[in-house]
Amino acid sequence: MKRTISLLLVCLLLLVALPVSAEADSLAGTWVLSSLEAEGLAVAPAELGLEMTITLQEDGSAEMAMPGVSTETGSWTVDGESLSITDSAGTPQVFTVGEDGTLSTDANGAVMIFVREGAELPAVESEALPAVLEEVTLADFDGEWTATHGMAMGVEVSLEMLGMQMDMSISDGSVTVSDSTSSQVMEAVLDGNALVVDMSGVEVLLYLRDDGTLAMSMNLGSYTMDIIFARV
């Protein structure tokens, strides 16, 4: 079960922790992430506590940084309207140079848009996410649940796309989580509006949401990963 959750986390991070007719000289400078779009949902990075910058030096070197998370160095080149940033491992990431002066890159449906440092960030109308229910009882969680997708830093990915399956059965504080290879039974405690579970040494919080779904939330230091479940 711990392996399943770790695999999902890696897949989500591959979507969000990207290394990230134009003249090369005109692109040199620092660029900041201004918006993130995935599955038709636009999210302002500030709403997620997320920062990402790309610095393009005139000598062709590049630095991609997420403060407090990671910093990657590499090189950059321009070919027409495409900017290619190659990291230290030799892996390229291609960006489109927009007519509006932005840089954008797409990875498995997740689009990240960058603007020059100092430019006014465009307003992003984020779609409201389902609200977490505040008044709940232990019995409210009871039932059969199946995972539909995961979310990290505003990026959504379906478990079907990853070839994964996760189901959960809850009854009077007993939680059984199953994937395609194993099952794990755990006891949970209701703390406020969250059902708290110790899953392989990781504290997991289960929340009910006002659209009838359940969110399995894991705090991973600088950000939170959620797995969303629907009732069967």
C-alpha atoms as a PDB file:
ATOM      1  CA  MET A   1       0.000   0.000   0.000  1.00  0.00           C
ATOM      2  CA  LYS A   2       2.860   2.385   0.828  1.00  0.00           C
ATOM      3  CA  ARG A   3       4.345   1.574  -2.603  1.00  0.00           C
ATOM      4  CA  THR A   4       1.050   2.472  -4.308  1.00  0.00           C
ATOM      5  CA  ILE A   5       0.879   5.870  -2.590  1.00  0.00           C
ATOM      6  CA  SER A   6       4.560   6.539  -3.344  1.00  0.00           C
ATOM      7  CA  LEU A   7       4.011   5.717  -7.028  1.00  0.00           C
ATOM      8  CA  LEU A   8       1.048   8.087  -7.221  1.00  0.00           C
ATOM      9  CA  LEU A   9       3.108  10.839  -5.588  1.00  0.00           C
ATOM     10  CA  VAL A  10       5.933  10.398  -8.112  1.00  0.00           C
ATOM     11  CA  CYS A  11       3.473  10.577 -11.023  1.00  0.00           C
ATOM     12  CA  LEU A  12       1.896  13.754  -9.653  1.00  0.00           C
ATOM     13  CA  LEU A  13       5.254  15.403  -9.079  1.00  0.00           C
ATOM     14  CA  LEU A  14       6.299  14.609 -12.646  1.00  0.00           C
ATOM     15  CA  LEU A  15       3.377  16.806 -13.704  1.00  0.00           C
ATOM     16  CA  VAL A  16       4.047  19.737 -11.400  1.00  0.00           C
ATOM     17  CA  ALA A  17       7.769  19.838 -10.595  1.00  0.00           C
ATOM     18  CA  LEU A  18       8.851  20.547 -14.188  1.00  0.00           C
ATOM     19  CA  PRO A  19      12.301  21.853 -15.072  1.00  0.00           C
ATOM     20  CA  VAL A  20      10.465  24.136 -16.967  1.00  0.00           C
ATOM     21  CA  SER A  21       9.585  34.252 -34.226  1.00  0.00           C
ATOM     22  CA  ALA A  22      11.781  35.079 -30.998  1.00  0.00           C
ATOM     23  CA  GLU A  23      15.378  36.214 -30.653  1.00  0.00           C
ATOM     24  CA  ALA A  24      17.531  34.541 -27.981  1.00  0.00           C
ATOM     25  CA  ASP A  25      18.683  37.884 -26.587  1.00  0.00           C
ATOM     26  CA  SER A  26      15.088  38.968 -26.023  1.00  0.00           C
ATOM     27  CA  LEU A  27      14.363  35.973 -23.777  1.00  0.00           C
ATOM     28  CA  ALA A  28      17.307  36.368 -21.404  1.00  0.00           C
ATOM     29  CA  GLY A  29      16.245  37.283 -17.886  1.00  0.00           C
ATOM     30  CA  THR A  30      14.078  35.899 -15.101  1.00  0.00           C
ATOM     31  CA  TRP A  31      10.614  34.453 -15.687  1.00  0.00           C
ATOM     32  CA  VAL A  32       8.044  33.668 -12.992  1.00  0.00           C
ATOM     33  CA  LEU A  33       5.175  31.186 -12.992  1.00  0.00           C
ATOM     34  CA  SER A  34       1.925  33.135 -13.405  1.00  0.00           C
ATOM     35  CA  SER A  35      -0.692  30.407 -13.832  1.00  0.00           C
ATOM     36  CA  LEU A  36      -1.179  26.662 -13.903  1.00  0.00           C
ATOM     37  CA  GLU A  37      -3.866  24.969 -15.992  1.00  0.00           C
ATOM     38  CA  ALA A  38      -4.891  21.305 -15.840  1.00  0.00           C
ATOM     39  CA  GLU A  39      -8.056  19.405 -16.753  1.00  0.00           C
ATOM     40  CA  GLY A  40      -9.667  22.737 -17.692  1.00  0.00           C
ATOM     41  CA  LEU A  41      -8.940  24.201 -14.248  1.00  0.00           C
ATOM     42  CA  ALA A  42      -6.877  27.408 -13.985  1.00  0.00           C
ATOM     43  CA  VAL A  43      -5.089  27.996 -10.691  1.00  0.00           C
ATOM     44  CA  ALA A  44      -3.079  30.992  -9.481  1.00  0.00           C
ATOM     45  CA  PRO A  45       0.226  29.735  -7.991  1.00  0.00           C
ATOM     46  CA  ALA A  46      -0.180  32.028  -4.966  1.00  0.00           C
ATOM     47  CA  GLU A  47      -3.339  30.136  -4.003  1.00  0.00           C
ATOM     48  CA  LEU A  48      -1.225  26.981  -3.682  1.00  0.00           C
ATOM     49  CA  GLY A  49       1.723  28.632  -1.962  1.00  0.00           C
ATOM     50  CA  LEU A  50       3.731  27.743  -5.067  1.00  0.00           C
ATOM     51  CA  GLU A  51       6.615  29.709  -6.565  1.00  0.00           C
ATOM     52  CA  MET A  52       8.660  28.806  -9.621  1.00  0.00           C
ATOM     53  CA  THR A  53      11.201  30.854 -11.548  1.00  0.00           C
ATOM     54  CA  ILE A  54      13.261  30.325 -14.678  1.00  0.00           C
ATOM     55  CA  THR A  55      16.423  32.385 -15.164  1.00  0.00           C
ATOM     56  CA  LEU A  56      17.904  32.470 -18.668  1.00  0.00           C
ATOM     57  CA  GLN A  57      21.448  33.848 -18.809  1.00  0.00           C
ATOM     58  CA  GLU A  58      22.865  35.497 -21.923  1.00  0.00           C
ATOM     59  CA  ASP A  59      25.667  32.894 -21.990  1.00  0.00           C
ATOM     60  CA  GLY A  60      23.104  30.126 -22.616  1.00  0.00           C
ATOM     61  CA  SER A  61      22.955  28.770 -19.075  1.00  0.00           C
ATOM     62  CA  ALA A  62      19.649  28.347 -17.260  1.00  0.00           C
ATOM     63  CA  GLU A  63      18.370  27.880 -13.723  1.00  0.00           C
ATOM     64  CA  MET A  64      14.933  26.557 -12.766  1.00  0.00           C
ATOM     65  CA  ALA A  65      13.982  27.030  -9.122  1.00  0.00           C
ATOM     66  CA  MET A  66      11.127  26.216  -6.763  1.00  0.00           C
ATOM     67  CA  PRO A  67      12.129  28.012  -3.528  1.00  0.00           C
ATOM     68  CA  GLY A  68      12.310  25.596  -0.638  1.00  0.00           C
ATOM     69  CA  VAL A  69      11.849  22.587  -2.931  1.00  0.00           C
ATOM     70  CA  SER A  70      14.514  22.303  -5.635  1.00  0.00           C
ATOM     71  CA  THR A  71      16.870  24.149  -7.969  1.00  0.00           C
ATOM     72  CA  GLU A  72      18.013  22.759 -11.322  1.00  0.00           C
ATOM     73  CA  THR A  73      20.681  24.100 -13.643  1.00  0.00           C
ATOM     74  CA  GLY A  74      21.015  23.543 -17.364  1.00  0.00           C
ATOM     75  CA  SER A  75      21.188  25.305 -20.708  1.00  0.00           C
ATOM     76  CA  TRP A  76      18.752  26.913 -23.128  1.00  0.00           C
ATOM     77  CA  THR A  77      18.405  27.426 -26.871  1.00  0.00           C
ATOM     78  CA  VAL A  78      15.837  29.048 -29.158  1.00  0.00           C
ATOM     79  CA  ASP A  79      14.521  27.706 -32.465  1.00  0.00           C
ATOM     80  CA  GLY A  80      11.928  29.989 -34.019  1.00  0.00           C
ATOM     81  CA  GLU A  81       9.045  30.276 -31.574  1.00  0.00           C
ATOM     82  CA  SER A  82      10.276  27.413 -29.387  1.00  0.00           C
ATOM     83  CA  LEU A  83      12.503  27.655 -26.336  1.00  0.00           C
ATOM     84  CA  SER A  84      14.223  24.468 -25.193  1.00  0.00           C
ATOM     85  CA  ILE A  85      15.650  24.149 -21.686  1.00  0.00           C
ATOM     86  CA  THR A  86      17.875  21.126 -21.104  1.00  0.00           C
ATOM     87  CA  ASP A  87      18.572  20.092 -17.512  1.00  0.00           C
ATOM     88  CA  SER A  88      21.854  18.728 -16.127  1.00  0.00           C
ATOM     89  CA  ALA A  89      20.730  15.170 -16.931  1.00  0.00           C
ATOM     90  CA  GLY A  90      20.317  16.066 -20.604  1.00  0.00           C
ATOM     91  CA  THR A  91      16.511  16.046 -20.577  1.00  0.00           C
ATOM     92  CA  PRO A  92      14.943  18.860 -22.650  1.00  0.00           C
ATOM     93  CA  GLN A  93      11.684  20.689 -21.864  1.00  0.00           C
ATOM     94  CA  VAL A  94      10.162  22.684 -24.726  1.00  0.00           C
ATOM     95  CA  PHE A  95       8.375  25.997 -24.162  1.00  0.00           C
ATOM     96  CA  THR A  96       6.282  27.991 -26.620  1.00  0.00           C
ATOM     97  CA  VAL A  97       7.089  31.694 -26.934  1.00  0.00           C
ATOM     98  CA  GLY A  98       3.686  33.369 -27.079  1.00  0.00           C
ATOM     99  CA  GLU A  99       2.781  36.481 -29.044  1.00  0.00           C
ATOM    100  CA  ASP A 100       1.647  37.939 -25.716  1.00  0.00           C
ATOM    101  CA  GLY A 101       5.197  37.709 -24.364  1.00  0.00           C
ATOM    102  CA  THR A 102       4.658  34.603 -22.235  1.00  0.00           C
ATOM    103  CA  LEU A 103       6.401  31.245 -22.092  1.00  0.00           C
ATOM    104  CA  SER A 104       4.262  28.127 -21.782  1.00  0.00           C
ATOM    105  CA  THR A 105       4.972  24.425 -21.533  1.00  0.00           C
ATOM    106  CA  ASP A 106       2.714  21.381 -21.575  1.00  0.00           C
ATOM    107  CA  ALA A 107       3.315  18.046 -19.840  1.00  0.00           C
ATOM    108  CA  ASN A 108       0.584  15.409 -19.937  1.00  0.00           C
ATOM    109  CA  GLY A 109      -2.131  18.048 -20.055  1.00  0.00           C
ATOM    110  CA  ALA A 110      -0.691  20.311 -17.353  1.00  0.00           C
ATOM    111  CA  VAL A 111       0.138  23.759 -18.777  1.00  0.00           C
ATOM    112  CA  MET A 112       2.438  26.156 -16.935  1.00  0.00           C
ATOM    113  CA  ILE A 113       2.572  29.793 -18.080  1.00  0.00           C
ATOM    114  CA  PHE A 114       5.464  32.128 -17.220  1.00  0.00           C
ATOM    115  CA  VAL A 115       5.796  35.912 -17.520  1.00  0.00           C
ATOM    116  CA  ARG A 116       8.824  38.158 -17.154  1.00  0.00           C
ATOM    117  CA  GLU A 117       9.797  39.110 -13.618  1.00  0.00           C
ATOM    118  CA  GLY A 118       8.299  42.490 -12.812  1.00  0.00           C
ATOM    119  CA  ALA A 119       5.429  42.123 -15.271  1.00  0.00           C
ATOM    120  CA  GLU A 120       1.921  42.422 -13.891  1.00  0.00           C
ATOM    121  CA  LEU A 121       0.577  38.941 -13.242  1.00  0.00           C
ATOM    122  CA  PRO A 122      -2.710  38.303 -15.049  1.00  0.00           C
ATOM    123  CA  ALA A 123      -5.787  37.657 -12.949  1.00  0.00           C
ATOM    124  CA  VAL A 124      -6.624  33.969 -12.811  1.00  0.00           C
ATOM    125  CA  GLU A 125     -10.217  32.978 -12.163  1.00  0.00           C
ATOM    126  CA  SER A 126      -9.820  29.687 -10.320  1.00  0.00           C
ATOM    127  CA  GLU A 127     -12.715  27.270 -10.276  1.00  0.00           C
ATOM    128  CA  ALA A 128     -13.906  26.774  -6.715  1.00  0.00           C
ATOM    129  CA  LEU A 129     -13.028  23.360  -5.311  1.00  0.00           C
ATOM    130  CA  PRO A 130     -15.598  21.412  -3.274  1.00  0.00           C
ATOM    131  CA  ALA A 131     -15.665  22.606   0.341  1.00  0.00           C
ATOM    132  CA  VAL A 132     -14.714  20.348   3.235  1.00  0.00           C
ATOM    133  CA  LEU A 133     -17.628  19.599   5.591  1.00  0.00           C
ATOM    134  CA  GLU A 134     -17.083  20.973   9.090  1.00  0.00           C
ATOM    135  CA  GLU A 135     -19.848  19.138  10.977  1.00  0.00           C
ATOM    136  CA  VAL A 136     -19.408  15.366  10.603  1.00  0.00           C
ATOM    137  CA  THR A 137     -19.836  12.202  12.674  1.00  0.00           C
ATOM    138  CA  LEU A 138     -17.902   8.937  12.569  1.00  0.00           C
ATOM    139  CA  ALA A 139     -20.847   7.219  10.866  1.00  0.00           C
ATOM    140  CA  ASP A 140     -20.840   9.777   8.036  1.00  0.00           C
ATOM    141  CA  PHE A 141     -17.626   8.205   6.690  1.00  0.00           C
ATOM    142  CA  ASP A 142     -19.047   4.659   6.590  1.00  0.00           C
ATOM    143  CA  GLY A 143     -19.391   3.051   3.185  1.00  0.00           C
ATOM    144  CA  GLU A 144     -17.524   1.817   0.137  1.00  0.00           C
ATOM    145  CA  TRP A 145     -15.289   4.275  -1.711  1.00  0.00           C
ATOM    146  CA  THR A 146     -13.227   4.139  -4.893  1.00  0.00           C
ATOM    147  CA  ALA A 147     -10.424   6.531  -5.846  1.00  0.00           C
ATOM    148  CA  THR A 148     -11.010   8.634  -8.970  1.00  0.00           C
ATOM    149  CA  HIS A 149      -8.023  10.960  -9.184  1.00  0.00           C
ATOM    150  CA  GLY A 150      -5.148  12.570  -7.317  1.00  0.00           C
ATOM    151  CA  MET A 151      -4.226  16.221  -6.868  1.00  0.00           C
ATOM    152  CA  ALA A 152      -0.981  17.971  -5.930  1.00  0.00           C
ATOM    153  CA  MET A 153      -0.276  21.698  -6.322  1.00  0.00           C
ATOM    154  CA  GLY A 154      -3.508  22.091  -8.256  1.00  0.00           C
ATOM    155  CA  VAL A 155      -2.622  19.472 -10.851  1.00  0.00           C
ATOM    156  CA  GLU A 156      -5.170  16.672 -11.329  1.00  0.00           C
ATOM    157  CA  VAL A 157      -4.379  13.240 -12.718  1.00  0.00           C
ATOM    158  CA  SER A 158      -6.763  10.291 -13.041  1.00  0.00           C
ATOM    159  CA  LEU A 159      -5.760   6.961 -11.523  1.00  0.00           C
ATOM    160  CA  GLU A 160      -7.068   5.284 -14.669  1.00  0.00           C
ATOM    161  CA  MET A 161      -4.490   7.176 -16.714  1.00  0.00           C
ATOM    162  CA  LEU A 162      -1.791   5.828 -14.378  1.00  0.00           C
ATOM    163  CA  GLY A 163      -3.138   2.281 -14.591  1.00  0.00           C
ATOM    164  CA  MET A 164      -3.819   2.259 -10.844  1.00  0.00           C
ATOM    165  CA  GLN A 165      -6.773   1.320  -8.674  1.00  0.00           C
ATOM    166  CA  MET A 166      -7.483   2.093  -5.015  1.00  0.00           C
ATOM    167  CA  ASP A 167     -10.591   1.258  -3.009  1.00  0.00           C
ATOM    168  CA  MET A 168     -11.515   1.979   0.596  1.00  0.00           C
ATOM    169  CA  SER A 169     -14.081   0.498   2.964  1.00  0.00           C
ATOM    170  CA  ILE A 170     -14.948   2.348   6.189  1.00  0.00           C
ATOM    171  CA  SER A 171     -17.062   0.987   9.029  1.00  0.00           C
ATOM    172  CA  ASP A 172     -17.270   2.447  12.548  1.00  0.00           C
ATOM    173  CA  GLY A 173     -13.701   3.776  12.483  1.00  0.00           C
ATOM    174  CA  SER A 174     -12.168   0.719  10.793  1.00  0.00           C
ATOM    175  CA  VAL A 175     -10.583   1.604   7.451  1.00  0.00           C
ATOM    176  CA  THR A 176      -9.592  -0.987   4.830  1.00  0.00           C
ATOM    177  CA  VAL A 177      -7.578   0.319   1.880  1.00  0.00           C
ATOM    178  CA  SER A 178      -7.008  -1.979  -1.096  1.00  0.00           C
ATOM    179  CA  ASP A 179      -5.119  -1.721  -4.350  1.00  0.00           C
ATOM    180  CA  SER A 180      -4.595  -4.270  -7.113  1.00  0.00           C
ATOM    181  CA  THR A 181      -2.077  -6.255  -5.059  1.00  0.00           C
ATOM    182  CA  SER A 182      -2.829  -5.892  -1.341  1.00  0.00           C
ATOM    183  CA  SER A 183      -5.157  -4.703   1.420  1.00  0.00           C
ATOM    184  CA  GLN A 184      -4.432  -2.976   4.713  1.00  0.00           C
ATOM    185  CA  VAL A 185      -6.784  -2.636   7.687  1.00  0.00           C
ATOM    186  CA  MET A 186      -6.286   0.341  10.025  1.00  0.00           C
ATOM    187  CA  GLU A 187      -8.102   1.925  12.926  1.00  0.00           C
ATOM    188  CA  ALA A 188      -9.010   5.601  12.612  1.00  0.00           C
ATOM    189  CA  VAL A 189      -9.876   8.330  15.108  1.00  0.00           C
ATOM    190  CA  LEU A 190     -12.250  11.233  14.471  1.00  0.00           C
ATOM    191  CA  ASP A 191     -10.463  14.518  15.261  1.00  0.00           C
ATOM    192  CA  GLY A 192     -12.698  17.503  14.581  1.00  0.00           C
ATOM    193  CA  ASN A 193     -13.908  17.076  11.014  1.00  0.00           C
ATOM    194  CA  ALA A 194     -11.086  14.712   9.977  1.00  0.00           C
ATOM    195  CA  LEU A 195     -10.804  10.945  10.258  1.00  0.00           C
ATOM    196  CA  VAL A 196      -7.126  10.389  11.152  1.00  0.00           C
ATOM    197  CA  VAL A 197      -5.375   7.215   9.968  1.00  0.00           C
ATOM    198  CA  ASP A 198      -1.763   6.044  10.385  1.00  0.00           C
ATOM    199  CA  MET A 199      -0.956   4.483   7.007  1.00  0.00           C
ATOM    200  CA  SER A 200       2.459   2.813   6.908  1.00  0.00           C
ATOM    201  CA  GLY A 201       3.911   5.494   9.176  1.00  0.00           C
ATOM    202  CA  VAL A 202       2.297   8.377   7.274  1.00  0.00           C
ATOM    203  CA  GLU A 203      -0.481  10.372   8.965  1.00  0.00           C
ATOM    204  CA  VAL A 204      -3.418  10.523   6.582  1.00  0.00           C
ATOM    205  CA  LEU A 205      -6.469  12.748   7.068  1.00  0.00           C
ATOM    206  CA  LEU A 206      -9.817  11.822   5.529  1.00  0.00           C
ATOM    207  CA  TYR A 207     -12.256  14.674   4.855  1.00  0.00           C
ATOM    208  CA  LEU A 208     -15.819  14.604   3.533  1.00  0.00           C
ATOM    209  CA  ARG A 209     -16.628  17.271   0.920  1.00  0.00           C
ATOM    210  CA  ASP A 210     -19.869  19.001   0.036  1.00  0.00           C
ATOM    211  CA  ASP A 211     -20.061  17.349  -3.400  1.00  0.00           C
ATOM    212  CA  GLY A 212     -20.319  13.909  -1.767  1.00  0.00           C
ATOM    213  CA  THR A 213     -16.690  12.938  -2.321  1.00  0.00           C
ATOM    214  CA  LEU A 214     -13.977  12.092   0.203  1.00  0.00           C
ATOM    215  CA  ALA A 215     -10.453  13.519   0.184  1.00  0.00           C
ATOM    216  CA  MET A 216      -7.502  11.501   1.506  1.00  0.00           C
ATOM    217  CA  SER A 217      -4.998  14.220   2.406  1.00  0.00           C
ATOM    218  CA  MET A 218      -1.266  13.761   3.085  1.00  0.00           C
ATOM    219  CA  ASN A 219       1.021  16.578   4.247  1.00  0.00           C
ATOM    220  CA  LEU A 220       4.354  16.254   2.435  1.00  0.00           C
ATOM    221  CA  GLY A 221       6.184  19.195   3.957  1.00  0.00           C
ATOM    222  CA  SER A 222       5.935  22.117   1.561  1.00  0.00           C
ATOM    223  CA  TYR A 223       2.709  20.957  -0.072  1.00  0.00           C
ATOM    224  CA  THR A 224      -0.238  18.576   0.333  1.00  0.00           C
ATOM    225  CA  MET A 225      -1.250  15.660  -1.867  1.00  0.00           C
ATOM    226  CA  ASP A 226      -4.906  14.588  -2.027  1.00  0.00           C
ATOM    227  CA  ILE A 227      -6.480  11.426  -3.393  1.00  0.00           C
ATOM    228  CA  ILE A 228     -10.177  11.933  -4.149  1.00  0.00           C
ATOM    229  CA  PHE A 229     -12.700   9.113  -3.621  1.00  0.00           C
ATOM    230  CA  ALA A 230     -16.315   8.722  -4.759  1.00  0.00           C
ATOM    231  CA  ARG A 231     -18.927   6.524  -3.100  1.00  0.00           C
ATOM    232  CA  VAL A 232     -19.567   3.214  -4.833  1.00  0.00           C
END
